[in-house]
Amino acid sequence: MAVMATTQEAAKILGVTEETIRRRISRGHLKATKVTFGNRHRWLIAIPIEVLLGDRLSTGESVENAASEPVVSSPAGDVDAL
């Protein structure tokens, strides 16, 4: 189970730079999908739910309970563009 995030969002979530995210994609360390909007493109990176919920899961809480509160918000403009 994963959440899709932009390069910028993934960098913020993982605490690294956007360039590091791009390197991890090119090395195959992160799964990503290239989405094209006209002549522009954007990478959507799959962030495993376990990474997002980290501390919540370490307490023994189930994924369903831990995921009941939003962790990452998705910009409305990106969703509408898809």
PDB file of N, CA and C in Angstrom:
ATOM      1  N   MET A   1       0.846  -1.170   0.000  1.00  0.00           N
ATOM      2  CA  MET A   1       0.000   0.000   0.000  1.00  0.00           C
ATOM      3  C   MET A   1       0.899   1.243   0.000  1.00  0.00           C
ATOM      4  N   ALA A   2       0.606   2.191  -0.873  1.00  0.00           N
ATOM      5  CA  ALA A   2       1.445   3.385  -0.991  1.00  0.00           C
ATOM      6  C   ALA A   2       0.602   4.608  -1.314  1.00  0.00           C
ATOM      7  N   VAL A   3       1.174   5.753  -1.057  1.00  0.00           N
ATOM      8  CA  VAL A   3       0.570   7.037  -1.383  1.00  0.00           C
ATOM      9  C   VAL A   3       1.442   7.666  -2.465  1.00  0.00           C
ATOM     10  N   MET A   4       0.822   8.265  -3.455  1.00  0.00           N
ATOM     11  CA  MET A   4       1.570   8.916  -4.526  1.00  0.00           C
ATOM     12  C   MET A   4       1.844  10.364  -4.129  1.00  0.00           C
ATOM     13  N   ALA A   5       3.085  10.794  -4.340  1.00  0.00           N
ATOM     14  CA  ALA A   5       3.491  12.153  -3.982  1.00  0.00           C
ATOM     15  C   ALA A   5       4.342  12.733  -5.100  1.00  0.00           C
ATOM     16  N   THR A   6       4.324  14.049  -5.226  1.00  0.00           N
ATOM     17  CA  THR A   6       5.192  14.715  -6.198  1.00  0.00           C
ATOM     18  C   THR A   6       6.630  14.628  -5.690  1.00  0.00           C
ATOM     19  N   THR A   7       7.573  15.005  -6.533  1.00  0.00           N
ATOM     20  CA  THR A   7       8.979  15.003  -6.143  1.00  0.00           C
ATOM     21  C   THR A   7       9.193  15.891  -4.924  1.00  0.00           C
ATOM     22  N   GLN A   8       8.591  17.060  -4.936  1.00  0.00           N
ATOM     23  CA  GLN A   8       8.724  18.002  -3.824  1.00  0.00           C
ATOM     24  C   GLN A   8       8.130  17.420  -2.538  1.00  0.00           C
ATOM     25  N   GLU A   9       6.939  16.840  -2.629  1.00  0.00           N
ATOM     26  CA  GLU A   9       6.305  16.249  -1.453  1.00  0.00           C
ATOM     27  C   GLU A   9       7.119  15.073  -0.918  1.00  0.00           C
ATOM     28  N   ALA A  10       7.608  14.219  -1.822  1.00  0.00           N
ATOM     29  CA  ALA A  10       8.400  13.051  -1.409  1.00  0.00           C
ATOM     30  C   ALA A  10       9.664  13.494  -0.692  1.00  0.00           C
ATOM     31  N   ALA A  11      10.315  14.548  -1.202  1.00  0.00           N
ATOM     32  CA  ALA A  11      11.530  15.059  -0.565  1.00  0.00           C
ATOM     33  C   ALA A  11      11.233  15.526   0.859  1.00  0.00           C
ATOM     34  N   LYS A  12      10.123  16.217   1.019  1.00  0.00           N
ATOM     35  CA  LYS A  12       9.747  16.717   2.339  1.00  0.00           C
ATOM     36  C   LYS A  12       9.434  15.557   3.291  1.00  0.00           C
ATOM     37  N   ILE A  13       8.682  14.590   2.809  1.00  0.00           N
ATOM     38  CA  ILE A  13       8.301  13.431   3.626  1.00  0.00           C
ATOM     39  C   ILE A  13       9.532  12.648   4.067  1.00  0.00           C
ATOM     40  N   LEU A  14      10.461  12.425   3.136  1.00  0.00           N
ATOM     41  CA  LEU A  14      11.634  11.595   3.423  1.00  0.00           C
ATOM     42  C   LEU A  14      12.803  12.397   4.014  1.00  0.00           C
ATOM     43  N   GLY A  15      12.663  13.720   4.060  1.00  0.00           N
ATOM     44  CA  GLY A  15      13.696  14.551   4.664  1.00  0.00           C
ATOM     45  C   GLY A  15      14.976  14.634   3.840  1.00  0.00           C
ATOM     46  N   VAL A  16      14.817  14.634   2.520  1.00  0.00           N
ATOM     47  CA  VAL A  16      15.960  14.733   1.613  1.00  0.00           C
ATOM     48  C   VAL A  16      15.662  15.801   0.562  1.00  0.00           C
ATOM     49  N   THR A  17      16.627  16.062  -0.324  1.00  0.00           N
ATOM     50  CA  THR A  17      16.417  17.054  -1.371  1.00  0.00           C
ATOM     51  C   THR A  17      15.667  16.433  -2.550  1.00  0.00           C
ATOM     52  N   GLU A  18      15.131  17.291  -3.410  1.00  0.00           N
ATOM     53  CA  GLU A  18      14.464  16.810  -4.619  1.00  0.00           C
ATOM     54  C   GLU A  18      15.456  16.087  -5.520  1.00  0.00           C
ATOM     55  N   GLU A  19      16.700  16.559  -5.560  1.00  0.00           N
ATOM     56  CA  GLU A  19      17.733  15.891  -6.364  1.00  0.00           C
ATOM     57  C   GLU A  19      17.974  14.464  -5.862  1.00  0.00           C
ATOM     58  N   THR A  20      17.957  14.267  -4.560  1.00  0.00           N
ATOM     59  CA  THR A  20      18.115  12.922  -3.997  1.00  0.00           C
ATOM     60  C   THR A  20      16.958  12.031  -4.420  1.00  0.00           C
ATOM     61  N   ILE A  21      15.756  12.582  -4.433  1.00  0.00           N
ATOM     62  CA  ILE A  21      14.588  11.812  -4.882  1.00  0.00           C
ATOM     63  C   ILE A  21      14.794  11.388  -6.333  1.00  0.00           C
ATOM     64  N   ARG A  22      15.241  12.315  -7.182  1.00  0.00           N
ATOM     65  CA  ARG A  22      15.477  11.984  -8.599  1.00  0.00           C
ATOM     66  C   ARG A  22      16.539  10.898  -8.754  1.00  0.00           C
ATOM     67  N   ARG A  23      17.608  10.981  -7.956  1.00  0.00           N
ATOM     68  CA  ARG A  23      18.654   9.945  -8.010  1.00  0.00           C
ATOM     69  C   ARG A  23      18.101   8.596  -7.577  1.00  0.00           C
ATOM     70  N   ARG A  24      17.294   8.589  -6.523  1.00  0.00           N
ATOM     71  CA  ARG A  24      16.725   7.322  -6.035  1.00  0.00           C
ATOM     72  C   ARG A  24      15.785   6.714  -7.066  1.00  0.00           C
ATOM     73  N   ILE A  25      15.064   7.555  -7.808  1.00  0.00           N
ATOM     74  CA  ILE A  25      14.205   7.057  -8.885  1.00  0.00           C
ATOM     75  C   ILE A  25      15.070   6.429  -9.972  1.00  0.00           C
ATOM     76  N   SER A  26      16.107   7.134 -10.407  1.00  0.00           N
ATOM     77  CA  SER A  26      16.950   6.630 -11.502  1.00  0.00           C
ATOM     78  C   SER A  26      17.701   5.363 -11.111  1.00  0.00           C
ATOM     79  N   ARG A  27      18.021   5.201  -9.837  1.00  0.00           N
ATOM     80  CA  ARG A  27      18.718   3.995  -9.361  1.00  0.00           C
ATOM     81  C   ARG A  27      17.751   2.852  -9.040  1.00  0.00           C
ATOM     82  N   GLY A  28      16.449   3.141  -9.113  1.00  0.00           N
ATOM     83  CA  GLY A  28      15.458   2.104  -8.835  1.00  0.00           C
ATOM     84  C   GLY A  28      15.151   1.917  -7.363  1.00  0.00           C
ATOM     85  N   HIS A  29      15.587   2.848  -6.511  1.00  0.00           N
ATOM     86  CA  HIS A  29      15.323   2.744  -5.078  1.00  0.00           C
ATOM     87  C   HIS A  29      13.935   3.240  -4.700  1.00  0.00           C
ATOM     88  N   LEU A  30      13.341   4.037  -5.582  1.00  0.00           N
ATOM     89  CA  LEU A  30      11.964   4.505  -5.392  1.00  0.00           C
ATOM     90  C   LEU A  30      11.169   4.175  -6.643  1.00  0.00           C
ATOM     91  N   LYS A  31       9.928   3.756  -6.453  1.00  0.00           N
ATOM     92  CA  LYS A  31       9.043   3.512  -7.589  1.00  0.00           C
ATOM     93  C   LYS A  31       8.356   4.827  -7.937  1.00  0.00           C
ATOM     94  N   ALA A  32       8.344   5.152  -9.219  1.00  0.00           N
ATOM     95  CA  ALA A  32       7.738   6.408  -9.652  1.00  0.00           C
ATOM     96  C   ALA A  32       7.098   6.227 -11.020  1.00  0.00           C
ATOM     97  N   THR A  33       6.114   7.050 -11.284  1.00  0.00           N
ATOM     98  CA  THR A  33       5.419   7.062 -12.561  1.00  0.00           C
ATOM     99  C   THR A  33       5.529   8.461 -13.143  1.00  0.00           C
ATOM    100  N   LYS A  34       5.894   8.530 -14.407  1.00  0.00           N
ATOM    101  CA  LYS A  34       5.999   9.819 -15.086  1.00  0.00           C
ATOM    102  C   LYS A  34       4.643  10.144 -15.695  1.00  0.00           C
ATOM    103  N   VAL A  35       4.063  11.273 -15.288  1.00  0.00           N
ATOM    104  CA  VAL A  35       2.752  11.702 -15.767  1.00  0.00           C
ATOM    105  C   VAL A  35       2.962  12.937 -16.639  1.00  0.00           C
ATOM    106  N   THR A  36       2.374  12.933 -17.838  1.00  0.00           N
ATOM    107  CA  THR A  36       2.549  14.043 -18.768  1.00  0.00           C
ATOM    108  C   THR A  36       1.277  14.879 -18.848  1.00  0.00           C
ATOM    109  N   PHE A  37       1.459  16.199 -18.787  1.00  0.00           N
ATOM    110  CA  PHE A  37       0.378  17.161 -18.936  1.00  0.00           C
ATOM    111  C   PHE A  37       0.742  18.044 -20.122  1.00  0.00           C
ATOM    112  N   GLY A  38       0.197  17.763 -21.291  1.00  0.00           N
ATOM    113  CA  GLY A  38       0.581  18.513 -22.491  1.00  0.00           C
ATOM    114  C   GLY A  38       2.041  18.239 -22.798  1.00  0.00           C
ATOM    115  N   ASN A  39       2.868  19.287 -22.785  1.00  0.00           N
ATOM    116  CA  ASN A  39       4.290  19.084 -23.032  1.00  0.00           C
ATOM    117  C   ASN A  39       5.111  19.190 -21.745  1.00  0.00           C
ATOM    118  N   ARG A  40       4.465  19.140 -20.598  1.00  0.00           N
ATOM    119  CA  ARG A  40       5.139  19.120 -19.292  1.00  0.00           C
ATOM    120  C   ARG A  40       4.962  17.749 -18.671  1.00  0.00           C
ATOM    121  N   HIS A  41       5.919  17.346 -17.867  1.00  0.00           N
ATOM    122  CA  HIS A  41       5.756  16.085 -17.154  1.00  0.00           C
ATOM    123  C   HIS A  41       6.096  16.257 -15.682  1.00  0.00           C
ATOM    124  N   ARG A  42       5.628  15.320 -14.891  1.00  0.00           N
ATOM    125  CA  ARG A  42       5.830  15.334 -13.444  1.00  0.00           C
ATOM    126  C   ARG A  42       5.964  13.887 -12.980  1.00  0.00           C
ATOM    127  N   TRP A  43       6.857  13.661 -12.049  1.00  0.00           N
ATOM    128  CA  TRP A  43       6.995  12.331 -11.467  1.00  0.00           C
ATOM    129  C   TRP A  43       6.075  12.219 -10.258  1.00  0.00           C
ATOM    130  N   LEU A  44       5.378  11.096 -10.155  1.00  0.00           N
ATOM    131  CA  LEU A  44       4.607  10.780  -8.960  1.00  0.00           C
ATOM    132  C   LEU A  44       5.298   9.582  -8.313  1.00  0.00           C
ATOM    133  N   ILE A  45       5.745   9.757  -7.079  1.00  0.00           N
ATOM    134  CA  ILE A  45       6.535   8.764  -6.384  1.00  0.00           C
ATOM    135  C   ILE A  45       5.655   8.006  -5.408  1.00  0.00           C
ATOM    136  N   ALA A  46       5.807   6.684  -5.398  1.00  0.00           N
ATOM    137  CA  ALA A  46       5.057   5.837  -4.476  1.00  0.00           C
ATOM    138  C   ALA A  46       5.785   5.819  -3.132  1.00  0.00           C
ATOM    139  N   ILE A  47       5.139   6.362  -2.103  1.00  0.00           N
ATOM    140  CA  ILE A  47       5.692   6.357  -0.746  1.00  0.00           C
ATOM    141  C   ILE A  47       4.939   5.282   0.035  1.00  0.00           C
ATOM    142  N   PRO A  48       5.640   4.232   0.489  1.00  0.00           N
ATOM    143  CA  PRO A  48       4.957   3.177   1.243  1.00  0.00           C
ATOM    144  C   PRO A  48       4.250   3.742   2.473  1.00  0.00           C
ATOM    145  N   ILE A  49       3.060   3.254   2.728  1.00  0.00           N
ATOM    146  CA  ILE A  49       2.258   3.743   3.853  1.00  0.00           C
ATOM    147  C   ILE A  49       3.005   3.565   5.171  1.00  0.00           C
ATOM    148  N   GLU A  50       3.836   2.530   5.246  1.00  0.00           N
ATOM    149  CA  GLU A  50       4.600   2.290   6.470  1.00  0.00           C
ATOM    150  C   GLU A  50       5.580   3.433   6.745  1.00  0.00           C
ATOM    151  N   VAL A  51       6.115   4.030   5.691  1.00  0.00           N
ATOM    152  CA  VAL A  51       7.028   5.168   5.843  1.00  0.00           C
ATOM    153  C   VAL A  51       6.258   6.378   6.350  1.00  0.00           C
ATOM    154  N   LEU A  52       5.078   6.598   5.796  1.00  0.00           N
ATOM    155  CA  LEU A  52       4.267   7.748   6.206  1.00  0.00           C
ATOM    156  C   LEU A  52       3.806   7.647   7.649  1.00  0.00           C
ATOM    157  N   LEU A  53       3.464   6.430   8.069  1.00  0.00           N
ATOM    158  CA  LEU A  53       2.892   6.245   9.399  1.00  0.00           C
ATOM    159  C   LEU A  53       3.935   5.955  10.454  1.00  0.00           C
ATOM    160  N   GLY A  54       5.155   5.646  10.031  1.00  0.00           N
ATOM    161  CA  GLY A  54       6.306   5.374  10.895  1.00  0.00           C
ATOM    162  C   GLY A  54       6.036   5.202  12.373  1.00  0.00           C
ATOM    163  N   ASP A  55       6.058   6.297  13.132  1.00  0.00           N
ATOM    164  CA  ASP A  55       5.925   6.245  14.588  1.00  0.00           C
ATOM    165  C   ASP A  55       4.587   5.675  15.024  1.00  0.00           C
ATOM    166  N   ARG A  56       3.564   5.924  14.265  1.00  0.00           N
ATOM    167  CA  ARG A  56       2.238   5.418  14.643  1.00  0.00           C
ATOM    168  C   ARG A  56       2.223   3.890  14.638  1.00  0.00           C
ATOM    169  N   LEU A  57       2.930   3.282  13.680  1.00  0.00           N
ATOM    170  CA  LEU A  57       2.952   1.823  13.597  1.00  0.00           C
ATOM    171  C   LEU A  57       3.879   1.213  14.646  1.00  0.00           C
ATOM    172  N   SER A  58       4.901   1.952  15.091  1.00  0.00           N
ATOM    173  CA  SER A  58       5.833   1.410  16.074  1.00  0.00           C
ATOM    174  C   SER A  58       5.163   1.187  17.423  1.00  0.00           C
ATOM    175  N   THR A  59       4.000   1.795  17.636  1.00  0.00           N
ATOM    176  CA  THR A  59       3.269   1.612  18.886  1.00  0.00           C
ATOM    177  C   THR A  59       2.381   0.376  18.832  1.00  0.00           C
ATOM    178  N   GLY A  60       2.396  -0.332  17.697  1.00  0.00           N
ATOM    179  CA  GLY A  60       1.590  -1.529  17.560  1.00  0.00           C
ATOM    180  C   GLY A  60       0.210  -1.253  16.996  1.00  0.00           C
ATOM    181  N   GLU A  61      -0.055  -0.024  16.626  1.00  0.00           N
ATOM    182  CA  GLU A  61      -1.345   0.343  16.066  1.00  0.00           C
ATOM    183  C   GLU A  61      -1.487  -0.261  14.672  1.00  0.00           C
ATOM    184  N   SER A  62      -2.689  -0.690  14.312  1.00  0.00           N
ATOM    185  CA  SER A  62      -2.899  -1.277  12.990  1.00  0.00           C
ATOM    186  C   SER A  62      -2.804  -0.198  11.921  1.00  0.00           C
ATOM    187  N   VAL A  63      -2.481  -0.619  10.695  1.00  0.00           N
ATOM    188  CA  VAL A  63      -2.378   0.324   9.579  1.00  0.00           C
ATOM    189  C   VAL A  63      -3.695   1.058   9.396  1.00  0.00           C
ATOM    190  N   GLU A  64      -4.816   0.345   9.503  1.00  0.00           N
ATOM    191  CA  GLU A  64      -6.131   0.965   9.298  1.00  0.00           C
ATOM    192  C   GLU A  64      -6.378   2.069  10.326  1.00  0.00           C
ATOM    193  N   ASN A  65      -6.080   1.809  11.593  1.00  0.00           N
ATOM    194  CA  ASN A  65      -6.291   2.819  12.633  1.00  0.00           C
ATOM    195  C   ASN A  65      -5.312   3.969  12.486  1.00  0.00           C
ATOM    196  N   ALA A  66      -4.059   3.659  12.208  1.00  0.00           N
ATOM    197  CA  ALA A  66      -3.037   4.698  12.082  1.00  0.00           C
ATOM    198  C   ALA A  66      -3.313   5.591  10.883  1.00  0.00           C
ATOM    199  N   ALA A  67      -3.916   5.026   9.844  1.00  0.00           N
ATOM    200  CA  ALA A  67      -4.166   5.783   8.614  1.00  0.00           C
ATOM    201  C   ALA A  67      -5.471   6.560   8.654  1.00  0.00           C
ATOM    202  N   SER A  68      -6.183   6.508   9.760  1.00  0.00           N
ATOM    203  CA  SER A  68      -7.471   7.195   9.813  1.00  0.00           C
ATOM    204  C   SER A  68      -7.330   8.714   9.777  1.00  0.00           C
ATOM    205  N   GLU A  69      -6.181   9.235  10.196  1.00  0.00           N
ATOM    206  CA  GLU A  69      -5.931  10.679  10.117  1.00  0.00           C
ATOM    207  C   GLU A  69      -5.068  10.962   8.898  1.00  0.00           C
ATOM    208  N   PRO A  70      -5.357  12.025   8.145  1.00  0.00           N
ATOM    209  CA  PRO A  70      -4.540  12.346   6.974  1.00  0.00           C
ATOM    210  C   PRO A  70      -3.102  12.653   7.362  1.00  0.00           C
ATOM    211  N   VAL A  71      -2.166  12.143   6.570  1.00  0.00           N
ATOM    212  CA  VAL A  71      -0.757  12.397   6.803  1.00  0.00           C
ATOM    213  C   VAL A  71      -0.223  13.370   5.766  1.00  0.00           C
ATOM    214  N   VAL A  72      -0.672  13.207   4.514  1.00  0.00           N
ATOM    215  CA  VAL A  72      -0.217  14.059   3.417  1.00  0.00           C
ATOM    216  C   VAL A  72      -1.436  14.599   2.707  1.00  0.00           C
ATOM    217  N   SER A  73      -1.461  15.883   2.484  1.00  0.00           N
ATOM    218  CA  SER A  73      -2.566  16.448   1.712  1.00  0.00           C
ATOM    219  C   SER A  73      -2.137  16.561   0.269  1.00  0.00           C
ATOM    220  N   SER A  74      -3.067  16.398  -0.629  1.00  0.00           N
ATOM    221  CA  SER A  74      -2.765  16.474  -2.055  1.00  0.00           C
ATOM    222  C   SER A  74      -3.288  17.797  -2.591  1.00  0.00           C
ATOM    223  N   PRO A  75      -2.429  18.561  -3.253  1.00  0.00           N
ATOM    224  CA  PRO A  75      -2.895  19.837  -3.810  1.00  0.00           C
ATOM    225  C   PRO A  75      -4.036  19.636  -4.791  1.00  0.00           C
ATOM    226  N   ALA A  76      -5.112  20.362  -4.623  1.00  0.00           N
ATOM    227  CA  ALA A  76      -6.295  20.186  -5.466  1.00  0.00           C
ATOM    228  C   ALA A  76      -5.981  20.366  -6.942  1.00  0.00           C
ATOM    229  N   GLY A  77      -5.088  21.253  -7.280  1.00  0.00           N
ATOM    230  CA  GLY A  77      -4.748  21.489  -8.677  1.00  0.00           C
ATOM    231  C   GLY A  77      -4.155  20.262  -9.338  1.00  0.00           C
ATOM    232  N   ASP A  78      -3.322  19.507  -8.608  1.00  0.00           N
ATOM    233  CA  ASP A  78      -2.721  18.299  -9.170  1.00  0.00           C
ATOM    234  C   ASP A  78      -3.777  17.229  -9.400  1.00  0.00           C
ATOM    235  N   VAL A  79      -4.719  17.085  -8.485  1.00  0.00           N
ATOM    236  CA  VAL A  79      -5.751  16.071  -8.634  1.00  0.00           C
ATOM    237  C   VAL A  79      -6.661  16.417  -9.819  1.00  0.00           C
ATOM    238  N   ASP A  80      -7.036  17.681  -9.932  1.00  0.00           N
ATOM    239  CA  ASP A  80      -7.898  18.094 -11.035  1.00  0.00           C
ATOM    240  C   ASP A  80      -7.226  17.885 -12.393  1.00  0.00           C
ATOM    241  N   ALA A  81      -5.913  18.058 -12.436  1.00  0.00           N
ATOM    242  CA  ALA A  81      -5.184  17.935 -13.712  1.00  0.00           C
ATOM    243  C   ALA A  81      -5.145  16.499 -14.202  1.00  0.00           C
ATOM    244  N   LEU A  82      -5.245  15.534 -13.294  1.00  0.00           N
ATOM    245  CA  LEU A  82      -5.214  14.142 -13.708  1.00  0.00           C
ATOM    246  C   LEU A  82      -6.513  13.782 -14.360  1.00  0.00           C
TER     247      LEU A  82
END
